[in-house]
Amino acid sequence: MLWKSMEGEVGYAAAITIMIENEVKLLIYHGKGLSCLNPSDGKMIWNVPWPTSYGVNATTPIVDKDVIFHTSGYKMGCEALKITGSGYSVLWKNHVMEAQHSDPILIDGYIYGYSGESARNSGKFKCIELSTGKEMWSTSDIGQGTTTFADGYLICQDLKGNLFLVAPDPSGFKKIGEIKSAIKDVQNPAWTVPVVANGRLYLRFLQQLICYQLD
């Protein structure tokens, strides 16, 4: 063991890296907040308090140069931070997006993602401006679920296994197409993120694995 660091609730998000003044640092989204660590020795550089119910900080923070965006459910909302070598400052904080565990995606300065509880197939899919936190649009047309980005499009899958193709556009919601029951016989929430690889789309629910050829 090289080092041990931190105590308390671990959260559910994966650790990611960030470059701060040409040095690599670790971002840990744990049950009580967001911490920045020195990867060589585990020393905490700063910590952003974000105590979520049940310790569920589960989404992956978004890093855009010196800005970090993070979001949680349970009425916590979202926040954008400006990062420096010595610490951080809060750019904005609101409740426009409350993603429980579905990772939002940053495209050309705008964040797209689901907001709401991940146990019910009802919620909002939203676009917000990263620099200001302004909501550009919101729709309830594609349920609640997960999303991925490939070849210029958002591929969204709701909890029932329906699939939607969405064009990322801050001016309005643009659904290009859909596949009803892309995964069949879904009884419980389908939470696995769609995966695109080598011209194919992979969907999973429990022990089912489904592959679609993409044209």
C-alpha atoms as a PDB file:
ATOM      1  CA  MET A   1       0.000   0.000   0.000  1.00  0.00           C
ATOM      2  CA  LEU A   2       1.413   3.392  -1.018  1.00  0.00           C
ATOM      3  CA  TRP A   3      -1.040   5.547   0.932  1.00  0.00           C
ATOM      4  CA  LYS A   4      -4.458   5.768   2.556  1.00  0.00           C
ATOM      5  CA  SER A   5      -6.617   8.864   2.598  1.00  0.00           C
ATOM      6  CA  MET A   6      -9.972  10.118   3.840  1.00  0.00           C
ATOM      7  CA  GLU A   7     -12.653   8.606   6.063  1.00  0.00           C
ATOM      8  CA  GLY A   8     -16.455   8.431   6.054  1.00  0.00           C
ATOM      9  CA  GLU A   9     -19.093   7.586   3.460  1.00  0.00           C
ATOM     10  CA  VAL A  10     -17.576   6.600   0.155  1.00  0.00           C
ATOM     11  CA  GLY A  11     -20.305   7.563  -2.309  1.00  0.00           C
ATOM     12  CA  TYR A  12     -20.766   5.781  -5.646  1.00  0.00           C
ATOM     13  CA  ALA A  13     -18.905   7.823  -8.271  1.00  0.00           C
ATOM     14  CA  ALA A  14     -15.649   6.741  -9.872  1.00  0.00           C
ATOM     15  CA  ALA A  15     -12.474   8.723  -9.187  1.00  0.00           C
ATOM     16  CA  ILE A  16     -11.359  10.911 -12.092  1.00  0.00           C
ATOM     17  CA  THR A  17      -8.379  13.157 -12.798  1.00  0.00           C
ATOM     18  CA  ILE A  18      -8.098  16.883 -13.390  1.00  0.00           C
ATOM     19  CA  MET A  19      -5.192  19.042 -14.548  1.00  0.00           C
ATOM     20  CA  ILE A  20      -4.578  21.988 -12.203  1.00  0.00           C
ATOM     21  CA  GLU A  21      -1.716  24.285 -13.238  1.00  0.00           C
ATOM     22  CA  ASN A  22      -0.128  21.481 -15.275  1.00  0.00           C
ATOM     23  CA  GLU A  23      -0.325  18.985 -12.413  1.00  0.00           C
ATOM     24  CA  VAL A  24      -2.575  15.932 -12.316  1.00  0.00           C
ATOM     25  CA  LYS A  25      -4.931  15.746  -9.325  1.00  0.00           C
ATOM     26  CA  LEU A  26      -7.615  13.286  -8.239  1.00  0.00           C
ATOM     27  CA  LEU A  27     -11.286  14.155  -7.848  1.00  0.00           C
ATOM     28  CA  ILE A  28     -13.207  11.971  -5.377  1.00  0.00           C
ATOM     29  CA  TYR A  29     -16.999  12.407  -5.252  1.00  0.00           C
ATOM     30  CA  HIS A  30     -17.790  10.794  -1.910  1.00  0.00           C
ATOM     31  CA  GLY A  31     -20.889  10.615   0.278  1.00  0.00           C
ATOM     32  CA  LYS A  32     -20.321  14.022   1.885  1.00  0.00           C
ATOM     33  CA  GLY A  33     -18.817  16.098  -0.901  1.00  0.00           C
ATOM     34  CA  LEU A  34     -16.220  16.498  -3.633  1.00  0.00           C
ATOM     35  CA  SER A  35     -12.539  16.298  -2.693  1.00  0.00           C
ATOM     36  CA  CYS A  36      -9.349  17.027  -4.598  1.00  0.00           C
ATOM     37  CA  LEU A  37      -6.367  14.858  -3.668  1.00  0.00           C
ATOM     38  CA  ASN A  38      -2.688  14.756  -4.505  1.00  0.00           C
ATOM     39  CA  PRO A  39      -2.242  11.408  -6.325  1.00  0.00           C
ATOM     40  CA  SER A  40       1.315  10.881  -5.073  1.00  0.00           C
ATOM     41  CA  ASP A  41       0.480  10.815  -1.370  1.00  0.00           C
ATOM     42  CA  GLY A  42      -3.325  11.108  -1.029  1.00  0.00           C
ATOM     43  CA  LYS A  43      -3.139  14.473   0.706  1.00  0.00           C
ATOM     44  CA  MET A  44      -6.398  16.422   0.492  1.00  0.00           C
ATOM     45  CA  ILE A  45      -5.976  19.773  -1.241  1.00  0.00           C
ATOM     46  CA  TRP A  46      -9.558  20.988  -0.853  1.00  0.00           C
ATOM     47  CA  ASN A  47     -13.033  19.680  -0.140  1.00  0.00           C
ATOM     48  CA  VAL A  48     -16.436  20.916  -1.334  1.00  0.00           C
ATOM     49  CA  PRO A  49     -19.197  20.026   1.178  1.00  0.00           C
ATOM     50  CA  TRP A  50     -22.094  18.279  -0.594  1.00  0.00           C
ATOM     51  CA  PRO A  51     -23.843  15.997   1.934  1.00  0.00           C
ATOM     52  CA  THR A  52     -26.489  14.039   0.030  1.00  0.00           C
ATOM     53  CA  SER A  53     -29.146  11.825   1.581  1.00  0.00           C
ATOM     54  CA  TYR A  54     -27.936   8.226   2.014  1.00  0.00           C
ATOM     55  CA  GLY A  55     -24.475   9.314   0.856  1.00  0.00           C
ATOM     56  CA  VAL A  56     -25.552   8.991  -2.778  1.00  0.00           C
ATOM     57  CA  ASN A  57     -23.250  11.191  -4.805  1.00  0.00           C
ATOM     58  CA  ALA A  58     -23.196   8.860  -7.794  1.00  0.00           C
ATOM     59  CA  THR A  59     -22.737  10.851 -11.003  1.00  0.00           C
ATOM     60  CA  THR A  60     -19.331  11.469 -12.553  1.00  0.00           C
ATOM     61  CA  PRO A  61     -18.276  15.129 -12.214  1.00  0.00           C
ATOM     62  CA  ILE A  62     -17.646  16.966 -15.486  1.00  0.00           C
ATOM     63  CA  VAL A  63     -14.299  18.721 -15.932  1.00  0.00           C
ATOM     64  CA  ASP A  64     -13.979  21.492 -18.525  1.00  0.00           C
ATOM     65  CA  LYS A  65     -10.525  23.093 -18.211  1.00  0.00           C
ATOM     66  CA  ASP A  66     -10.699  24.946 -14.875  1.00  0.00           C
ATOM     67  CA  VAL A  67     -14.434  24.386 -14.296  1.00  0.00           C
ATOM     68  CA  ILE A  68     -16.010  21.398 -12.533  1.00  0.00           C
ATOM     69  CA  PHE A  69     -19.734  20.598 -12.725  1.00  0.00           C
ATOM     70  CA  HIS A  70     -21.328  18.103 -10.352  1.00  0.00           C
ATOM     71  CA  THR A  71     -24.903  17.085  -9.569  1.00  0.00           C
ATOM     72  CA  SER A  72     -26.870  14.808  -7.242  1.00  0.00           C
ATOM     73  CA  GLY A  73     -30.470  13.826  -6.604  1.00  0.00           C
ATOM     74  CA  TYR A  74     -32.414  14.009  -3.327  1.00  0.00           C
ATOM     75  CA  LYS A  75     -33.121  17.731  -3.888  1.00  0.00           C
ATOM     76  CA  MET A  76     -29.414  18.604  -3.832  1.00  0.00           C
ATOM     77  CA  GLY A  77     -29.274  20.055  -7.350  1.00  0.00           C
ATOM     78  CA  CYS A  78     -26.067  21.007  -9.133  1.00  0.00           C
ATOM     79  CA  GLU A  79     -23.064  23.285  -8.870  1.00  0.00           C
ATOM     80  CA  ALA A  80     -20.244  24.663 -11.014  1.00  0.00           C
ATOM     81  CA  LEU A  81     -16.846  25.389  -9.474  1.00  0.00           C
ATOM     82  CA  LYS A  82     -13.943  27.531 -10.695  1.00  0.00           C
ATOM     83  CA  ILE A  83     -10.650  25.804  -9.849  1.00  0.00           C
ATOM     84  CA  THR A  84      -7.279  27.398  -9.067  1.00  0.00           C
ATOM     85  CA  GLY A  85      -4.009  26.026  -7.771  1.00  0.00           C
ATOM     86  CA  SER A  86      -4.935  26.855  -4.195  1.00  0.00           C
ATOM     87  CA  GLY A  87      -8.625  26.064  -4.093  1.00  0.00           C
ATOM     88  CA  TYR A  88     -12.000  26.753  -5.667  1.00  0.00           C
ATOM     89  CA  SER A  89     -14.844  29.235  -5.846  1.00  0.00           C
ATOM     90  CA  VAL A  90     -18.514  28.598  -6.630  1.00  0.00           C
ATOM     91  CA  LEU A  91     -19.531  29.934 -10.037  1.00  0.00           C
ATOM     92  CA  TRP A  92     -23.193  29.088  -9.545  1.00  0.00           C
ATOM     93  CA  LYS A  93     -25.455  26.666  -7.697  1.00  0.00           C
ATOM     94  CA  ASN A  94     -29.103  25.773  -8.377  1.00  0.00           C
ATOM     95  CA  HIS A  95     -31.699  22.993  -8.666  1.00  0.00           C
ATOM     96  CA  VAL A  96     -32.103  23.024 -12.438  1.00  0.00           C
ATOM     97  CA  MET A  97     -30.556  19.553 -12.683  1.00  0.00           C
ATOM     98  CA  GLU A  98     -30.804  16.882  -9.985  1.00  0.00           C
ATOM     99  CA  ALA A  99     -29.277  13.744 -11.483  1.00  0.00           C
ATOM    100  CA  GLN A 100     -29.443  10.782  -9.119  1.00  0.00           C
ATOM    101  CA  HIS A 101     -26.995   8.491 -10.914  1.00  0.00           C
ATOM    102  CA  SER A 102     -27.322   9.149 -14.658  1.00  0.00           C
ATOM    103  CA  ASP A 103     -24.180  10.953 -15.840  1.00  0.00           C
ATOM    104  CA  PRO A 104     -24.832  14.223 -17.703  1.00  0.00           C
ATOM    105  CA  ILE A 105     -22.802  14.968 -20.821  1.00  0.00           C
ATOM    106  CA  LEU A 106     -21.023  18.199 -21.817  1.00  0.00           C
ATOM    107  CA  ILE A 107     -21.192  19.167 -25.506  1.00  0.00           C
ATOM    108  CA  ASP A 108     -19.939  22.525 -26.814  1.00  0.00           C
ATOM    109  CA  GLY A 109     -20.488  24.374 -23.538  1.00  0.00           C
ATOM    110  CA  TYR A 110     -23.889  22.869 -22.742  1.00  0.00           C
ATOM    111  CA  ILE A 111     -24.807  20.037 -20.396  1.00  0.00           C
ATOM    112  CA  TYR A 112     -27.413  17.445 -21.425  1.00  0.00           C
ATOM    113  CA  GLY A 113     -28.839  14.914 -19.032  1.00  0.00           C
ATOM    114  CA  TYR A 114     -31.659  13.406 -17.012  1.00  0.00           C
ATOM    115  CA  SER A 115     -32.912  15.049 -13.827  1.00  0.00           C
ATOM    116  CA  GLY A 116     -34.992  13.222 -11.235  1.00  0.00           C
ATOM    117  CA  GLU A 117     -35.286   9.922  -9.411  1.00  0.00           C
ATOM    118  CA  SER A 118     -33.826   6.927 -11.213  1.00  0.00           C
ATOM    119  CA  ALA A 119     -36.397   4.472  -9.825  1.00  0.00           C
ATOM    120  CA  ARG A 120     -39.351   5.890 -11.771  1.00  0.00           C
ATOM    121  CA  ASN A 121     -39.712   6.258 -15.528  1.00  0.00           C
ATOM    122  CA  SER A 122     -40.749   9.885 -15.192  1.00  0.00           C
ATOM    123  CA  GLY A 123     -38.450  12.865 -15.028  1.00  0.00           C
ATOM    124  CA  LYS A 124     -36.913  15.555 -17.160  1.00  0.00           C
ATOM    125  CA  PHE A 125     -34.226  15.504 -19.816  1.00  0.00           C
ATOM    126  CA  LYS A 126     -32.583  18.920 -19.831  1.00  0.00           C
ATOM    127  CA  CYS A 127     -30.062  21.184 -21.467  1.00  0.00           C
ATOM    128  CA  ILE A 128     -28.303  23.759 -19.291  1.00  0.00           C
ATOM    129  CA  GLU A 129     -25.541  26.246 -19.999  1.00  0.00           C
ATOM    130  CA  LEU A 130     -22.334  25.335 -18.165  1.00  0.00           C
ATOM    131  CA  SER A 131     -21.069  28.897 -17.718  1.00  0.00           C
ATOM    132  CA  THR A 132     -24.259  30.256 -16.119  1.00  0.00           C
ATOM    133  CA  GLY A 133     -26.421  27.323 -14.982  1.00  0.00           C
ATOM    134  CA  LYS A 134     -29.279  28.627 -17.147  1.00  0.00           C
ATOM    135  CA  GLU A 135     -31.844  26.052 -18.254  1.00  0.00           C
ATOM    136  CA  MET A 136     -32.087  26.145 -22.038  1.00  0.00           C
ATOM    137  CA  TRP A 137     -34.914  23.619 -22.303  1.00  0.00           C
ATOM    138  CA  SER A 138     -36.527  20.675 -20.545  1.00  0.00           C
ATOM    139  CA  THR A 139     -38.669  17.772 -21.762  1.00  0.00           C
ATOM    140  CA  SER A 140     -40.524  14.862 -20.208  1.00  0.00           C
ATOM    141  CA  ASP A 141     -40.968  13.101 -23.576  1.00  0.00           C
ATOM    142  CA  ILE A 142     -38.256  10.470 -23.066  1.00  0.00           C
ATOM    143  CA  GLY A 143     -38.896   9.309 -19.514  1.00  0.00           C
ATOM    144  CA  GLN A 144     -36.041   8.792 -17.086  1.00  0.00           C
ATOM    145  CA  GLY A 145     -32.889   6.884 -17.911  1.00  0.00           C
ATOM    146  CA  THR A 146     -29.300   6.982 -19.091  1.00  0.00           C
ATOM    147  CA  THR A 147     -27.546   8.510 -22.076  1.00  0.00           C
ATOM    148  CA  THR A 148     -24.367   8.307 -24.121  1.00  0.00           C
ATOM    149  CA  PHE A 149     -22.904  10.465 -26.904  1.00  0.00           C
ATOM    150  CA  ALA A 150     -21.701   9.087 -30.228  1.00  0.00           C
ATOM    151  CA  ASP A 151     -21.199  10.474 -33.749  1.00  0.00           C
ATOM    152  CA  GLY A 152     -22.806  13.788 -32.884  1.00  0.00           C
ATOM    153  CA  TYR A 153     -25.951  12.384 -31.284  1.00  0.00           C
ATOM    154  CA  LEU A 154     -27.236  11.581 -27.817  1.00  0.00           C
ATOM    155  CA  ILE A 155     -28.513   8.012 -27.418  1.00  0.00           C
ATOM    156  CA  CYS A 156     -30.985   7.927 -24.543  1.00  0.00           C
ATOM    157  CA  GLN A 157     -32.485   4.804 -23.002  1.00  0.00           C
ATOM    158  CA  ASP A 158     -35.387   5.052 -20.584  1.00  0.00           C
ATOM    159  CA  LEU A 159     -35.965   2.709 -17.632  1.00  0.00           C
ATOM    160  CA  LYS A 160     -38.348   0.548 -19.677  1.00  0.00           C
ATOM    161  CA  GLY A 161     -35.808  -0.188 -22.391  1.00  0.00           C
ATOM    162  CA  ASN A 162     -37.071   2.280 -25.009  1.00  0.00           C
ATOM    163  CA  LEU A 163     -34.388   4.021 -27.052  1.00  0.00           C
ATOM    164  CA  PHE A 164     -34.313   7.610 -28.327  1.00  0.00           C
ATOM    165  CA  LEU A 165     -31.942   9.431 -30.666  1.00  0.00           C
ATOM    166  CA  VAL A 166     -31.572  13.117 -29.764  1.00  0.00           C
ATOM    167  CA  ALA A 167     -29.662  15.865 -31.551  1.00  0.00           C
ATOM    168  CA  PRO A 168     -27.802  18.054 -29.006  1.00  0.00           C
ATOM    169  CA  ASP A 169     -29.027  21.572 -29.637  1.00  0.00           C
ATOM    170  CA  PRO A 170     -29.318  24.309 -26.977  1.00  0.00           C
ATOM    171  CA  SER A 171     -32.102  26.017 -28.943  1.00  0.00           C
ATOM    172  CA  GLY A 172     -34.587  23.200 -28.291  1.00  0.00           C
ATOM    173  CA  PHE A 173     -35.273  19.488 -27.798  1.00  0.00           C
ATOM    174  CA  LYS A 174     -34.875  17.600 -31.080  1.00  0.00           C
ATOM    175  CA  LYS A 175     -35.800  13.919 -31.114  1.00  0.00           C
ATOM    176  CA  ILE A 176     -34.538  12.359 -34.336  1.00  0.00           C
ATOM    177  CA  GLY A 177     -35.874   8.832 -33.884  1.00  0.00           C
ATOM    178  CA  GLU A 178     -36.794   6.087 -31.433  1.00  0.00           C
ATOM    179  CA  ILE A 179     -36.978   2.319 -30.979  1.00  0.00           C
ATOM    180  CA  LYS A 180     -39.804   1.154 -28.755  1.00  0.00           C
ATOM    181  CA  SER A 181     -38.879  -1.825 -26.543  1.00  0.00           C
ATOM    182  CA  ALA A 182     -35.287  -1.885 -27.761  1.00  0.00           C
ATOM    183  CA  ILE A 183     -34.860  -4.143 -24.741  1.00  0.00           C
ATOM    184  CA  LYS A 184     -37.863  -6.436 -24.335  1.00  0.00           C
ATOM    185  CA  ASP A 185     -39.497  -7.758 -21.157  1.00  0.00           C
ATOM    186  CA  VAL A 186     -38.045  -5.104 -18.847  1.00  0.00           C
ATOM    187  CA  GLN A 187     -39.700  -5.498 -15.452  1.00  0.00           C
ATOM    188  CA  ASN A 188     -37.338  -3.493 -13.237  1.00  0.00           C
ATOM    189  CA  PRO A 189     -35.507  -0.240 -14.076  1.00  0.00           C
ATOM    190  CA  ALA A 190     -32.949  -0.656 -16.873  1.00  0.00           C
ATOM    191  CA  TRP A 191     -30.037   1.411 -15.589  1.00  0.00           C
ATOM    192  CA  THR A 192     -27.069   0.270 -17.686  1.00  0.00           C
ATOM    193  CA  VAL A 193     -25.689   2.993 -19.950  1.00  0.00           C
ATOM    194  CA  PRO A 194     -25.864   2.237 -23.716  1.00  0.00           C
ATOM    195  CA  VAL A 195     -22.446   1.524 -25.221  1.00  0.00           C
ATOM    196  CA  VAL A 196     -21.332   2.240 -28.808  1.00  0.00           C
ATOM    197  CA  ALA A 197     -18.283   0.395 -30.157  1.00  0.00           C
ATOM    198  CA  ASN A 198     -17.112  -0.492 -33.675  1.00  0.00           C
ATOM    199  CA  GLY A 199     -20.365   0.519 -35.343  1.00  0.00           C
ATOM    200  CA  ARG A 200     -22.563  -1.397 -32.941  1.00  0.00           C
ATOM    201  CA  LEU A 201     -24.842  -0.419 -30.069  1.00  0.00           C
ATOM    202  CA  TYR A 202     -24.876  -2.617 -26.962  1.00  0.00           C
ATOM    203  CA  LEU A 203     -27.733  -2.578 -24.451  1.00  0.00           C
ATOM    204  CA  ARG A 204     -27.897  -4.604 -21.232  1.00  0.00           C
ATOM    205  CA  PHE A 205     -30.619  -5.398 -18.711  1.00  0.00           C
ATOM    206  CA  LEU A 206     -29.780  -7.911 -15.978  1.00  0.00           C
ATOM    207  CA  GLN A 207     -28.575 -11.003 -17.892  1.00  0.00           C
ATOM    208  CA  GLN A 208     -29.791  -9.776 -21.283  1.00  0.00           C
ATOM    209  CA  LEU A 209     -27.260  -8.366 -23.734  1.00  0.00           C
ATOM    210  CA  ILE A 210     -28.605  -6.940 -27.005  1.00  0.00           C
ATOM    211  CA  CYS A 211     -26.565  -5.702 -29.950  1.00  0.00           C
ATOM    212  CA  TYR A 212     -27.775  -3.427 -32.750  1.00  0.00           C
ATOM    213  CA  GLN A 213     -25.870  -2.746 -35.973  1.00  0.00           C
ATOM    214  CA  LEU A 214     -25.600   1.011 -36.567  1.00  0.00           C
ATOM    215  CA  ASP A 215     -25.764   2.327 -40.132  1.00  0.00           C
END
